[in-house]
Structures are given as C-alpha cells and as structure tokens.
C-alpha cells in the first residue's frame, strides 16, 4: 500500500518534470524565433558598394523583359516604370503591388515614376 503511494508520487513527479522541461524548451525556441524575425525581414546589405549601383537604372528598354511574367515589355500594351527605373507591364506590377509594396527587382519602396 505504501509502495503504491510512493510509486504514484514518483510517477507524478517525473511527469511534472518532463512537462516543465518541454515547456522550457518550447518557450526558448519561440523566443529565439521572435528575436531573429526582424533580421529575416530586413533587406540584405550588398557585399560591395558597386553591386547596388547595378540596379539603379534600367534605361535600356529596347529588349527588356517584365521580370514578373518574363514577357518582353515592348510586346504588350500598357507599361509602368517605377522611380527606381524598372519597367513592368501595368497589369503585372498592379498584381504584384497587391501583395508587396516593394519593387520585385531591387526591393526599393515601389513608387511610380512621373514621366
């Protein structure tokens, strides 16, 4: 009778310790995920200063493809140019901007160029 009580107490204690250890590791996992989240959403820093200069202008539109649908921008009708200089089909960039407010090429905030 006493042995059964000791066994029940030991089992309950072991189960409680296992539950606390599980809660501790789960808490630490989610805390680390939450602390790293801003780093995942941030824009990557270029490795050298000239790599970001590459995307600043896209003036040669003679053979440009829309990077959203991969069809030549000159083949379709309505075109839209962003302030960063990238050119897209109007329907493509409007669809893109429903999900993201950044240029799909250079990740600059998407603003339409006024020409």
PDB file of N, CA and C in Angstrom:
ATOM      1  N   UNK A   1       0.816  -1.187   0.000  1.00  0.00           N
ATOM      2  CA  UNK A   1       0.000   0.000   0.000  1.00  0.00           C
ATOM      3  C   UNK A   1       0.864   1.257   0.000  1.00  0.00           C
ATOM      4  N   UNK A   2       1.867   1.276   0.878  1.00  0.00           N
ATOM      5  CA  UNK A   2       2.776   2.417   0.932  1.00  0.00           C
ATOM      6  C   UNK A   2       3.613   2.459  -0.345  1.00  0.00           C
ATOM      7  N   UNK A   3       4.006   1.295  -0.814  1.00  0.00           N
ATOM      8  CA  UNK A   3       4.816   1.216  -2.035  1.00  0.00           C
ATOM      9  C   UNK A   3       4.040   1.771  -3.236  1.00  0.00           C
ATOM     10  N   UNK A   4       2.755   1.499  -3.279  1.00  0.00           N
ATOM     11  CA  UNK A   4       1.930   2.013  -4.374  1.00  0.00           C
ATOM     12  C   UNK A   4       1.829   3.540  -4.298  1.00  0.00           C
ATOM     13  N   UNK A   5       1.732   4.105  -3.115  1.00  0.00           N
ATOM     14  CA  UNK A   5       1.680   5.553  -2.945  1.00  0.00           C
ATOM     15  C   UNK A   5       2.981   6.215  -3.357  1.00  0.00           C
ATOM     16  N   UNK A   6       4.110   5.583  -2.998  1.00  0.00           N
ATOM     17  CA  UNK A   6       5.423   6.110  -3.383  1.00  0.00           C
ATOM     18  C   UNK A   6       5.576   6.060  -4.899  1.00  0.00           C
ATOM     19  N   UNK A   7       5.140   4.963  -5.514  1.00  0.00           N
ATOM     20  CA  UNK A   7       5.233   4.827  -6.962  1.00  0.00           C
ATOM     21  C   UNK A   7       4.377   5.889  -7.666  1.00  0.00           C
ATOM     22  N   UNK A   8       3.183   6.121  -7.167  1.00  0.00           N
ATOM     23  CA  UNK A   8       2.304   7.139  -7.745  1.00  0.00           C
ATOM     24  C   UNK A   8       2.924   8.525  -7.614  1.00  0.00           C
ATOM     25  N   UNK A   9       3.479   8.828  -6.453  1.00  0.00           N
ATOM     26  CA  UNK A   9       4.127  10.125  -6.233  1.00  0.00           C
ATOM     27  C   UNK A   9       5.323  10.307  -7.174  1.00  0.00           C
ATOM     28  N   UNK A  10       6.157   9.271  -7.287  1.00  0.00           N
ATOM     29  CA  UNK A  10       7.341   9.345  -8.150  1.00  0.00           C
ATOM     30  C   UNK A  10       6.930   9.512  -9.617  1.00  0.00           C
ATOM     31  N   UNK A  11       5.896   8.805 -10.033  1.00  0.00           N
ATOM     32  CA  UNK A  11       5.423   8.919 -11.420  1.00  0.00           C
ATOM     33  C   UNK A  11       4.897  10.323 -11.696  1.00  0.00           C
ATOM     34  N   UNK A  12       4.124  10.862 -10.758  1.00  0.00           N
ATOM     35  CA  UNK A  12       3.590  12.214 -10.924  1.00  0.00           C
ATOM     36  C   UNK A  12       4.706  13.244 -10.959  1.00  0.00           C
ATOM     37  N   UNK A  13       5.692  13.069 -10.101  1.00  0.00           N
ATOM     38  CA  UNK A  13       6.829  13.984 -10.062  1.00  0.00           C
ATOM     39  C   UNK A  13       7.617  13.928 -11.373  1.00  0.00           C
ATOM     40  N   UNK A  14       7.864  12.727 -11.882  1.00  0.00           N
ATOM     41  CA  UNK A  14       8.604  12.570 -13.137  1.00  0.00           C
ATOM     42  C   UNK A  14       7.826  13.187 -14.300  1.00  0.00           C
ATOM     43  N   UNK A  15       6.523  12.967 -14.321  1.00  0.00           N
ATOM     44  CA  UNK A  15       5.698  13.537 -15.383  1.00  0.00           C
ATOM     45  C   UNK A  15       5.705  15.063 -15.322  1.00  0.00           C
ATOM     46  N   UNK A  16       5.667  15.616 -14.127  1.00  0.00           N
ATOM     47  CA  UNK A  16       5.727  17.065 -13.962  1.00  0.00           C
ATOM     48  C   UNK A  16       7.046  17.637 -14.431  1.00  0.00           C
ATOM     49  N   UNK A  17       8.149  16.955 -14.116  1.00  0.00           N
ATOM     50  CA  UNK A  17       9.475  17.414 -14.547  1.00  0.00           C
ATOM     51  C   UNK A  17       9.576  17.375 -16.069  1.00  0.00           C
ATOM     52  N   UNK A  18       9.100  16.305 -16.682  1.00  0.00           N
ATOM     53  CA  UNK A  18       9.133  16.196 -18.145  1.00  0.00           C
ATOM     54  C   UNK A  18       8.296  17.314 -18.780  1.00  0.00           C
ATOM     55  N   UNK A  19       7.137  17.599 -18.211  1.00  0.00           N
ATOM     56  CA  UNK A  19       6.292  18.674 -18.741  1.00  0.00           C
ATOM     57  C   UNK A  19       6.985  20.025 -18.610  1.00  0.00           C
ATOM     58  N   UNK A  20       7.615  20.297 -17.473  1.00  0.00           N
ATOM     59  CA  UNK A  20       8.321  21.568 -17.285  1.00  0.00           C
ATOM     60  C   UNK A  20       9.496  21.712 -18.248  1.00  0.00           C
ATOM     61  N   UNK A  21      10.234  20.638 -18.470  1.00  0.00           N
ATOM     62  CA  UNK A  21      11.354  20.682 -19.414  1.00  0.00           C
ATOM     63  C   UNK A  21      10.831  20.958 -20.828  1.00  0.00           C
ATOM     64  N   UNK A  22       9.733  20.313 -21.202  1.00  0.00           N
ATOM     65  CA  UNK A  22       9.139  20.558 -22.518  1.00  0.00           C
ATOM     66  C   UNK A  22       8.679  21.994 -22.677  1.00  0.00           C
ATOM     67  N   UNK A  23       8.046  22.544 -21.655  1.00  0.00           N
ATOM     68  CA  UNK A  23       7.598  23.939 -21.697  1.00  0.00           C
ATOM     69  C   UNK A  23       8.792  24.876 -21.795  1.00  0.00           C
ATOM     70  N   UNK A  24       9.855  24.594 -21.060  1.00  0.00           N
ATOM     71  CA  UNK A  24      11.053  25.436 -21.075  1.00  0.00           C
ATOM     72  C   UNK A  24      11.677  25.482 -22.476  1.00  0.00           C
ATOM     73  N   UNK A  25      11.853  24.314 -23.098  1.00  0.00           N
ATOM     74  CA  UNK A  25      12.468  24.282 -24.425  1.00  0.00           C
ATOM     75  C   UNK A  25      11.555  24.902 -25.488  1.00  0.00           C
ATOM     76  N   UNK A  26      10.262  24.697 -25.372  1.00  0.00           N
ATOM     77  CA  UNK A  26       9.333  25.317 -26.318  1.00  0.00           C
ATOM     78  C   UNK A  26       9.369  26.834 -26.192  1.00  0.00           C
ATOM     79  N   UNK A  27       9.374  27.333 -24.971  1.00  0.00           N
ATOM     80  CA  UNK A  27       9.452  28.779 -24.729  1.00  0.00           C
ATOM     81  C   UNK A  27      10.734  29.360 -25.325  1.00  0.00           C
ATOM     82  N   UNK A  28      11.874  28.715 -25.083  1.00  0.00           N
ATOM     83  CA  UNK A  28      13.144  29.212 -25.624  1.00  0.00           C
ATOM     84  C   UNK A  28      13.161  29.185 -27.150  1.00  0.00           C
ATOM     85  N   UNK A  29      12.587  28.154 -27.740  1.00  0.00           N
ATOM     86  CA  UNK A  29      12.543  28.057 -29.196  1.00  0.00           C
ATOM     87  C   UNK A  29      11.765  29.240 -29.789  1.00  0.00           C
ATOM     88  N   UNK A  30      10.567  29.483 -29.282  1.00  0.00           N
ATOM     89  CA  UNK A  30       9.758  30.579 -29.819  1.00  0.00           C
ATOM     90  C   UNK A  30      10.332  31.948 -29.484  1.00  0.00           C
ATOM     91  N   UNK A  31      10.979  32.076 -28.346  1.00  0.00           N
ATOM     92  CA  UNK A  31      11.613  33.348 -28.004  1.00  0.00           C
ATOM     93  C   UNK A  31      12.750  33.646 -28.981  1.00  0.00           C
ATOM     94  N   UNK A  32      13.550  32.631 -29.319  1.00  0.00           N
ATOM     95  CA  UNK A  32      14.635  32.824 -30.286  1.00  0.00           C
ATOM     96  C   UNK A  32      14.089  33.139 -31.675  1.00  0.00           C
ATOM     97  N   UNK A  33      12.990  32.490 -32.059  1.00  0.00           N
ATOM     98  CA  UNK A  33      12.381  32.778 -33.353  1.00  0.00           C
ATOM     99  C   UNK A  33      11.892  34.218 -33.411  1.00  0.00           C
ATOM    100  N   UNK A  34      11.305  34.690 -32.338  1.00  0.00           N
ATOM    101  CA  UNK A  34      10.775  36.047 -32.285  1.00  0.00           C
ATOM    102  C   UNK A  34      11.896  37.077 -32.325  1.00  0.00           C
ATOM    103  N   UNK A  35      13.028  36.787 -31.663  1.00  0.00           N
ATOM    104  CA  UNK A  35      14.148  37.726 -31.649  1.00  0.00           C
ATOM    105  C   UNK A  35      14.835  37.804 -33.006  1.00  0.00           C
ATOM    106  N   UNK A  36      14.840  36.710 -33.771  1.00  0.00           N
ATOM    107  CA  UNK A  36      15.506  36.695 -35.071  1.00  0.00           C
ATOM    108  C   UNK A  36      14.615  37.220 -36.194  1.00  0.00           C
ATOM    109  N   UNK A  37      13.309  37.349 -35.968  1.00  0.00           N
ATOM    110  CA  UNK A  37      12.373  37.723 -37.016  1.00  0.00           C
ATOM    111  C   UNK A  37      12.700  39.041 -37.713  1.00  0.00           C
ATOM    112  N   UNK A  38      13.068  40.121 -37.011  1.00  0.00           N
ATOM    113  CA  UNK A  38      13.390  41.363 -37.727  1.00  0.00           C
ATOM    114  C   UNK A  38      14.563  41.205 -38.693  1.00  0.00           C
ATOM    115  N   UNK A  39      15.498  40.307 -38.387  1.00  0.00           N
ATOM    116  CA  UNK A  39      16.643  40.105 -39.267  1.00  0.00           C
ATOM    117  C   UNK A  39      16.228  39.401 -40.545  1.00  0.00           C
ATOM    118  N   UNK A  40      15.235  38.546 -40.491  1.00  0.00           N
ATOM    119  CA  UNK A  40      14.784  37.841 -41.683  1.00  0.00           C
ATOM    120  C   UNK A  40      14.067  38.764 -42.648  1.00  0.00           C
ATOM    121  N   UNK A  41      13.306  39.721 -42.102  1.00  0.00           N
ATOM    122  CA  UNK A  41      12.545  40.620 -42.963  1.00  0.00           C
ATOM    123  C   UNK A  41      13.367  41.782 -43.479  1.00  0.00           C
ATOM    124  N   UNK A  42      14.531  42.015 -42.900  1.00  0.00           N
ATOM    125  CA  UNK A  42      15.317  43.170 -43.322  1.00  0.00           C
ATOM    126  C   UNK A  42      15.943  42.915 -44.690  1.00  0.00           C
ATOM    127  N   UNK A  43      16.224  43.966 -45.375  1.00  0.00           N
ATOM    128  CA  UNK A  43      16.809  43.896 -46.705  1.00  0.00           C
ATOM    129  C   UNK A  43      18.281  43.522 -46.602  1.00  0.00           C
ATOM    130  N   UNK A  44      18.778  42.596 -47.421  1.00  0.00           N
ATOM    131  CA  UNK A  44      20.185  42.227 -47.351  1.00  0.00           C
ATOM    132  C   UNK A  44      21.096  43.385 -47.755  1.00  0.00           C
ATOM    133  N   UNK A  45      22.199  43.490 -47.076  1.00  0.00           N
ATOM    134  CA  UNK A  45      23.167  44.545 -47.358  1.00  0.00           C
ATOM    135  C   UNK A  45      24.085  44.057 -48.476  1.00  0.00           C
ATOM    136  N   UNK A  46      24.319  44.868 -49.515  1.00  0.00           N
ATOM    137  CA  UNK A  46      25.220  44.450 -50.591  1.00  0.00           C
ATOM    138  C   UNK A  46      26.630  44.213 -50.059  1.00  0.00           C
ATOM    139  N   UNK A  47      27.319  43.251 -50.666  1.00  0.00           N
ATOM    140  CA  UNK A  47      28.667  42.937 -50.214  1.00  0.00           C
ATOM    141  C   UNK A  47      29.665  44.013 -50.607  1.00  0.00           C
ATOM    142  N   UNK A  48      29.434  44.673 -51.705  1.00  0.00           N
ATOM    143  CA  UNK A  48      30.299  45.791 -52.070  1.00  0.00           C
ATOM    144  C   UNK A  48      29.439  46.935 -52.594  1.00  0.00           C
ATOM    145  N   UNK A  49      29.931  48.157 -52.511  1.00  0.00           N
ATOM    146  CA  UNK A  49      29.098  49.311 -52.870  1.00  0.00           C
ATOM    147  C   UNK A  49      28.645  49.338 -54.320  1.00  0.00           C
ATOM    148  N   UNK A  50      29.389  48.728 -55.227  1.00  0.00           N
ATOM    149  CA  UNK A  50      29.012  48.798 -56.639  1.00  0.00           C
ATOM    150  C   UNK A  50      27.907  47.819 -56.992  1.00  0.00           C
ATOM    151  N   UNK A  51      27.663  46.806 -56.163  1.00  0.00           N
ATOM    152  CA  UNK A  51      26.629  45.831 -56.510  1.00  0.00           C
ATOM    153  C   UNK A  51      25.241  46.450 -56.477  1.00  0.00           C
ATOM    154  N   UNK A  52      24.996  47.421 -55.603  1.00  0.00           N
ATOM    155  CA  UNK A  52      23.683  48.063 -55.577  1.00  0.00           C
ATOM    156  C   UNK A  52      23.553  49.087 -56.702  1.00  0.00           C
ATOM    157  N   UNK A  53      24.643  49.609 -57.214  1.00  0.00           N
ATOM    158  CA  UNK A  53      24.602  50.580 -58.308  1.00  0.00           C
ATOM    159  C   UNK A  53      24.077  49.922 -59.585  1.00  0.00           C
ATOM    160  N   UNK A  54      24.269  48.633 -59.700  1.00  0.00           N
ATOM    161  CA  UNK A  54      23.854  47.902 -60.867  1.00  0.00           C
ATOM    162  C   UNK A  54      22.357  48.044 -61.132  1.00  0.00           C
ATOM    163  N   UNK A  55      21.560  48.132 -60.080  1.00  0.00           N
ATOM    164  CA  UNK A  55      20.114  48.159 -60.212  1.00  0.00           C
ATOM    165  C   UNK A  55      19.537  49.566 -60.283  1.00  0.00           C
ATOM    166  N   UNK A  56      20.349  50.588 -60.166  1.00  0.00           N
ATOM    167  CA  UNK A  56      19.808  51.935 -60.080  1.00  0.00           C
ATOM    168  C   UNK A  56      19.132  52.392 -61.356  1.00  0.00           C
ATOM    169  N   UNK A  57      19.632  51.971 -62.489  1.00  0.00           N
ATOM    170  CA  UNK A  57      18.994  52.432 -63.715  1.00  0.00           C
ATOM    171  C   UNK A  57      18.729  51.261 -64.637  1.00  0.00           C
ATOM    172  N   UNK A  58      17.669  51.383 -65.349  1.00  0.00           N
ATOM    173  CA  UNK A  58      17.271  50.363 -66.311  1.00  0.00           C
ATOM    174  C   UNK A  58      16.730  51.095 -67.531  1.00  0.00           C
ATOM    175  N   UNK A  59      17.564  51.947 -68.108  1.00  0.00           N
ATOM    176  CA  UNK A  59      17.111  52.815 -69.186  1.00  0.00           C
ATOM    177  C   UNK A  59      17.011  52.108 -70.533  1.00  0.00           C
ATOM    178  N   UNK A  60      17.737  51.019 -70.709  1.00  0.00           N
ATOM    179  CA  UNK A  60      17.713  50.321 -71.984  1.00  0.00           C
ATOM    180  C   UNK A  60      16.471  49.438 -72.040  1.00  0.00           C
ATOM    181  N   UNK A  61      15.387  49.974 -72.568  1.00  0.00           N
ATOM    182  CA  UNK A  61      14.133  49.220 -72.629  1.00  0.00           C
ATOM    183  C   UNK A  61      13.914  48.584 -73.994  1.00  0.00           C
ATOM    184  N   UNK A  62      14.917  48.611 -74.859  1.00  0.00           N
ATOM    185  CA  UNK A  62      14.737  48.067 -76.199  1.00  0.00           C
ATOM    186  C   UNK A  62      14.527  46.559 -76.176  1.00  0.00           C
ATOM    187  N   UNK A  63      15.128  45.864 -75.230  1.00  0.00           N
ATOM    188  CA  UNK A  63      14.990  44.412 -75.168  1.00  0.00           C
ATOM    189  C   UNK A  63      14.706  43.978 -73.734  1.00  0.00           C
ATOM    190  N   UNK A  64      13.882  44.728 -73.014  1.00  0.00           N
ATOM    191  CA  UNK A  64      13.600  44.422 -71.617  1.00  0.00           C
ATOM    192  C   UNK A  64      12.459  43.434 -71.499  1.00  0.00           C
ATOM    193  N   UNK A  65      12.582  42.566 -70.514  1.00  0.00           N
ATOM    194  CA  UNK A  65      11.509  41.652 -70.171  1.00  0.00           C
ATOM    195  C   UNK A  65      10.922  42.068 -68.839  1.00  0.00           C
ATOM    196  N   UNK A  66       9.634  41.910 -68.699  1.00  0.00           N
ATOM    197  CA  UNK A  66       8.974  42.125 -67.415  1.00  0.00           C
ATOM    198  C   UNK A  66       9.421  40.978 -66.515  1.00  0.00           C
ATOM    199  N   UNK A  67      10.012  41.296 -65.373  1.00  0.00           N
ATOM    200  CA  UNK A  67      10.537  40.235 -64.507  1.00  0.00           C
ATOM    201  C   UNK A  67       9.439  39.510 -63.740  1.00  0.00           C
ATOM    202  N   UNK A  68       8.213  39.945 -63.868  1.00  0.00           N
ATOM    203  CA  UNK A  68       7.105  39.252 -63.210  1.00  0.00           C
ATOM    204  C   UNK A  68       6.558  38.151 -64.116  1.00  0.00           C
ATOM    205  N   UNK A  69       6.296  38.490 -65.400  1.00  0.00           N
ATOM    206  CA  UNK A  69       5.734  37.488 -66.317  1.00  0.00           C
ATOM    207  C   UNK A  69       6.760  36.970 -67.327  1.00  0.00           C
ATOM    208  N   UNK A  70       7.932  37.594 -67.394  1.00  0.00           N
ATOM    209  CA  UNK A  70       9.040  37.206 -68.280  1.00  0.00           C
ATOM    210  C   UNK A  70       8.723  37.380 -69.765  1.00  0.00           C
ATOM    211  N   UNK A  71       7.755  38.217 -70.093  1.00  0.00           N
ATOM    212  CA  UNK A  71       7.428  38.534 -71.484  1.00  0.00           C
ATOM    213  C   UNK A  71       7.999  39.913 -71.784  1.00  0.00           C
ATOM    214  N   UNK A  72       8.434  40.118 -73.009  1.00  0.00           N
ATOM    215  CA  UNK A  72       9.014  41.400 -73.391  1.00  0.00           C
ATOM    216  C   UNK A  72       8.040  42.540 -73.113  1.00  0.00           C
ATOM    217  N   UNK A  73       8.541  43.580 -72.495  1.00  0.00           N
ATOM    218  CA  UNK A  73       7.699  44.733 -72.154  1.00  0.00           C
ATOM    219  C   UNK A  73       7.232  45.436 -73.417  1.00  0.00           C
ATOM    220  N   UNK A  74       8.017  45.382 -74.470  1.00  0.00           N
ATOM    221  CA  UNK A  74       7.673  46.071 -75.713  1.00  0.00           C
ATOM    222  C   UNK A  74       6.578  45.350 -76.492  1.00  0.00           C
ATOM    223  N   UNK A  75       6.348  44.047 -76.222  1.00  0.00           N
ATOM    224  CA  UNK A  75       5.325  43.291 -76.939  1.00  0.00           C
ATOM    225  C   UNK A  75       3.917  43.618 -76.464  1.00  0.00           C
ATOM    226  N   UNK A  76       3.771  43.936 -75.207  1.00  0.00           N
ATOM    227  CA  UNK A  76       2.451  44.189 -74.621  1.00  0.00           C
ATOM    228  C   UNK A  76       2.131  45.675 -74.663  1.00  0.00           C
ATOM    229  N   UNK A  77       0.908  46.036 -74.338  1.00  0.00           N
ATOM    230  CA  UNK A  77       0.455  47.420 -74.413  1.00  0.00           C
ATOM    231  C   UNK A  77       0.922  48.303 -73.273  1.00  0.00           C
ATOM    232  N   UNK A  78       0.172  48.356 -72.180  1.00  0.00           N
ATOM    233  CA  UNK A  78       0.415  49.313 -71.098  1.00  0.00           C
ATOM    234  C   UNK A  78       1.655  48.937 -70.295  1.00  0.00           C
ATOM    235  N   UNK A  79       2.533  49.932 -70.120  1.00  0.00           N
ATOM    236  CA  UNK A  79       3.769  49.732 -69.360  1.00  0.00           C
ATOM    237  C   UNK A  79       3.790  50.713 -68.200  1.00  0.00           C
ATOM    238  N   UNK A  80       4.495  50.342 -67.147  1.00  0.00           N
ATOM    239  CA  UNK A  80       4.654  51.222 -65.994  1.00  0.00           C
ATOM    240  C   UNK A  80       6.101  51.191 -65.561  1.00  0.00           C
ATOM    241  N   UNK A  81       6.647  52.374 -65.282  1.00  0.00           N
ATOM    242  CA  UNK A  81       8.023  52.480 -64.814  1.00  0.00           C
ATOM    243  C   UNK A  81       8.012  52.979 -63.372  1.00  0.00           C
ATOM    244  N   UNK A  82       8.782  52.322 -62.518  1.00  0.00           N
ATOM    245  CA  UNK A  82       8.894  52.746 -61.129  1.00  0.00           C
ATOM    246  C   UNK A  82      10.002  53.781 -60.991  1.00  0.00           C
ATOM    247  N   UNK A  83      10.043  54.477 -59.870  1.00  0.00           N
ATOM    248  CA  UNK A  83      11.056  55.506 -59.624  1.00  0.00           C
ATOM    249  C   UNK A  83      12.460  54.908 -59.688  1.00  0.00           C
ATOM    250  N   UNK A  84      12.605  53.657 -59.276  1.00  0.00           N
ATOM    251  CA  UNK A  84      13.924  53.015 -59.296  1.00  0.00           C
ATOM    252  C   UNK A  84      14.394  52.740 -60.721  1.00  0.00           C
ATOM    253  N   UNK A  85      13.519  52.886 -61.722  1.00  0.00           N
ATOM    254  CA  UNK A  85      13.908  52.732 -63.113  1.00  0.00           C
ATOM    255  C   UNK A  85      13.486  51.418 -63.742  1.00  0.00           C
ATOM    256  N   UNK A  86      12.878  50.525 -62.996  1.00  0.00           N
ATOM    257  CA  UNK A  86      12.477  49.236 -63.552  1.00  0.00           C
ATOM    258  C   UNK A  86      11.123  49.345 -64.243  1.00  0.00           C
ATOM    259  N   UNK A  87      11.010  48.650 -65.373  1.00  0.00           N
ATOM    260  CA  UNK A  87       9.838  48.731 -66.238  1.00  0.00           C
ATOM    261  C   UNK A  87       9.066  47.414 -66.186  1.00  0.00           C
ATOM    262  N   UNK A  88       7.735  47.500 -66.075  1.00  0.00           N
ATOM    263  CA  UNK A  88       6.877  46.320 -65.977  1.00  0.00           C
ATOM    264  C   UNK A  88       5.619  46.547 -66.796  1.00  0.00           C
ATOM    265  N   UNK A  89       4.915  45.454 -67.092  1.00  0.00           N
ATOM    266  CA  UNK A  89       3.571  45.600 -67.633  1.00  0.00           C
ATOM    267  C   UNK A  89       2.694  46.153 -66.515  1.00  0.00           C
ATOM    268  N   UNK A  90       1.771  47.001 -66.880  1.00  0.00           N
ATOM    269  CA  UNK A  90       0.915  47.636 -65.873  1.00  0.00           C
ATOM    270  C   UNK A  90       0.119  46.593 -65.087  1.00  0.00           C
ATOM    271  N   UNK A  91      -0.444  45.599 -65.775  1.00  0.00           N
ATOM    272  CA  UNK A  91      -1.243  44.588 -65.083  1.00  0.00           C
ATOM    273  C   UNK A  91      -0.370  43.729 -64.168  1.00  0.00           C
ATOM    274  N   UNK A  92       0.885  43.492 -64.558  1.00  0.00           N
ATOM    275  CA  UNK A  92       1.789  42.677 -63.734  1.00  0.00           C
ATOM    276  C   UNK A  92       2.163  43.402 -62.443  1.00  0.00           C
ATOM    277  N   UNK A  93       2.586  44.663 -62.552  1.00  0.00           N
ATOM    278  CA  UNK A  93       3.036  45.384 -61.359  1.00  0.00           C
ATOM    279  C   UNK A  93       1.856  45.694 -60.446  1.00  0.00           C
ATOM    280  N   UNK A  94       0.665  45.931 -61.017  1.00  0.00           N
ATOM    281  CA  UNK A  94      -0.506  46.157 -60.165  1.00  0.00           C
ATOM    282  C   UNK A  94      -0.842  44.907 -59.357  1.00  0.00           C
ATOM    283  N   UNK A  95      -0.732  43.741 -59.982  1.00  0.00           N
ATOM    284  CA  UNK A  95      -0.945  42.486 -59.252  1.00  0.00           C
ATOM    285  C   UNK A  95       0.109  42.266 -58.185  1.00  0.00           C
ATOM    286  N   UNK A  96       1.357  42.594 -58.512  1.00  0.00           N
ATOM    287  CA  UNK A  96       2.456  42.451 -57.549  1.00  0.00           C
ATOM    288  C   UNK A  96       2.232  43.353 -56.334  1.00  0.00           C
ATOM    289  N   UNK A  97       1.824  44.590 -56.594  1.00  0.00           N
ATOM    290  CA  UNK A  97       1.665  45.569 -55.517  1.00  0.00           C
ATOM    291  C   UNK A  97       0.481  45.267 -54.600  1.00  0.00           C
ATOM    292  N   UNK A  98      -0.370  44.331 -54.981  1.00  0.00           N
ATOM    293  CA  UNK A  98      -1.428  43.895 -54.073  1.00  0.00           C
ATOM    294  C   UNK A  98      -0.857  43.047 -52.942  1.00  0.00           C
ATOM    295  N   UNK A  99       0.324  42.454 -53.167  1.00  0.00           N
ATOM    296  CA  UNK A  99       0.943  41.584 -52.166  1.00  0.00           C
ATOM    297  C   UNK A  99       2.179  42.194 -51.525  1.00  0.00           C
ATOM    298  N   UNK A 100       2.853  43.086 -52.232  1.00  0.00           N
ATOM    299  CA  UNK A 100       4.091  43.675 -51.725  1.00  0.00           C
ATOM    300  C   UNK A 100       4.174  45.126 -52.174  1.00  0.00           C
ATOM    301  N   UNK A 101       4.751  45.968 -51.358  1.00  0.00           N
ATOM    302  CA  UNK A 101       4.883  47.391 -51.691  1.00  0.00           C
ATOM    303  C   UNK A 101       6.314  47.744 -52.091  1.00  0.00           C
ATOM    304  N   UNK A 102       7.062  46.750 -52.557  1.00  0.00           N
ATOM    305  CA  UNK A 102       8.450  46.953 -52.951  1.00  0.00           C
ATOM    306  C   UNK A 102       8.661  46.483 -54.382  1.00  0.00           C
ATOM    307  N   UNK A 103       9.628  47.095 -55.059  1.00  0.00           N
ATOM    308  CA  UNK A 103       9.985  46.692 -56.424  1.00  0.00           C
ATOM    309  C   UNK A 103      10.455  45.240 -56.400  1.00  0.00           C
ATOM    310  N   UNK A 104       9.963  44.387 -57.307  1.00  0.00           N
ATOM    311  CA  UNK A 104      10.386  42.987 -57.299  1.00  0.00           C
ATOM    312  C   UNK A 104      11.844  42.786 -57.699  1.00  0.00           C
ATOM    313  N   UNK A 105      12.467  43.790 -58.325  1.00  0.00           N
ATOM    314  CA  UNK A 105      13.864  43.648 -58.740  1.00  0.00           C
ATOM    315  C   UNK A 105      14.847  44.099 -57.678  1.00  0.00           C
ATOM    316  N   UNK A 106      14.644  45.293 -57.138  1.00  0.00           N
ATOM    317  CA  UNK A 106      15.655  45.868 -56.239  1.00  0.00           C
ATOM    318  C   UNK A 106      15.158  46.051 -54.812  1.00  0.00           C
ATOM    319  N   UNK A 107      13.893  45.760 -54.552  1.00  0.00           N
ATOM    320  CA  UNK A 107      13.298  45.850 -53.210  1.00  0.00           C
ATOM    321  C   UNK A 107      13.230  47.267 -52.649  1.00  0.00           C
ATOM    322  N   UNK A 108      13.347  48.267 -53.508  1.00  0.00           N
ATOM    323  CA  UNK A 108      13.123  49.649 -53.081  1.00  0.00           C
ATOM    324  C   UNK A 108      11.618  49.849 -52.921  1.00  0.00           C
ATOM    325  N   UNK A 109      11.192  50.778 -52.079  1.00  0.00           N
ATOM    326  CA  UNK A 109       9.754  51.054 -51.986  1.00  0.00           C
ATOM    327  C   UNK A 109       9.200  51.432 -53.365  1.00  0.00           C
ATOM    328  N   UNK A 110       8.112  50.801 -53.751  1.00  0.00           N
ATOM    329  CA  UNK A 110       7.556  50.989 -55.094  1.00  0.00           C
ATOM    330  C   UNK A 110       6.793  52.301 -55.176  1.00  0.00           C
ATOM    331  N   UNK A 111       7.302  53.189 -56.011  1.00  0.00           N
ATOM    332  CA  UNK A 111       6.628  54.455 -56.318  1.00  0.00           C
ATOM    333  C   UNK A 111       6.666  54.593 -57.831  1.00  0.00           C
ATOM    334  N   UNK A 112       5.571  55.045 -58.390  1.00  0.00           N
ATOM    335  CA  UNK A 112       5.505  55.180 -59.839  1.00  0.00           C
ATOM    336  C   UNK A 112       6.230  56.437 -60.290  1.00  0.00           C
ATOM    337  N   UNK A 113       6.992  56.305 -61.367  1.00  0.00           N
ATOM    338  CA  UNK A 113       7.714  57.449 -61.936  1.00  0.00           C
ATOM    339  C   UNK A 113       6.719  58.307 -62.701  1.00  0.00           C
ATOM    340  N   UNK A 114       6.858  59.602 -62.570  1.00  0.00           N
ATOM    341  CA  UNK A 114       6.004  60.521 -63.329  1.00  0.00           C
ATOM    342  C   UNK A 114       6.792  61.005 -64.533  1.00  0.00           C
ATOM    343  N   UNK A 115       6.334  60.612 -65.686  1.00  0.00           N
ATOM    344  CA  UNK A 115       7.047  60.984 -66.918  1.00  0.00           C
ATOM    345  C   UNK A 115       6.247  61.978 -67.704  1.00  0.00           C
TER     346      UNK A 115
END
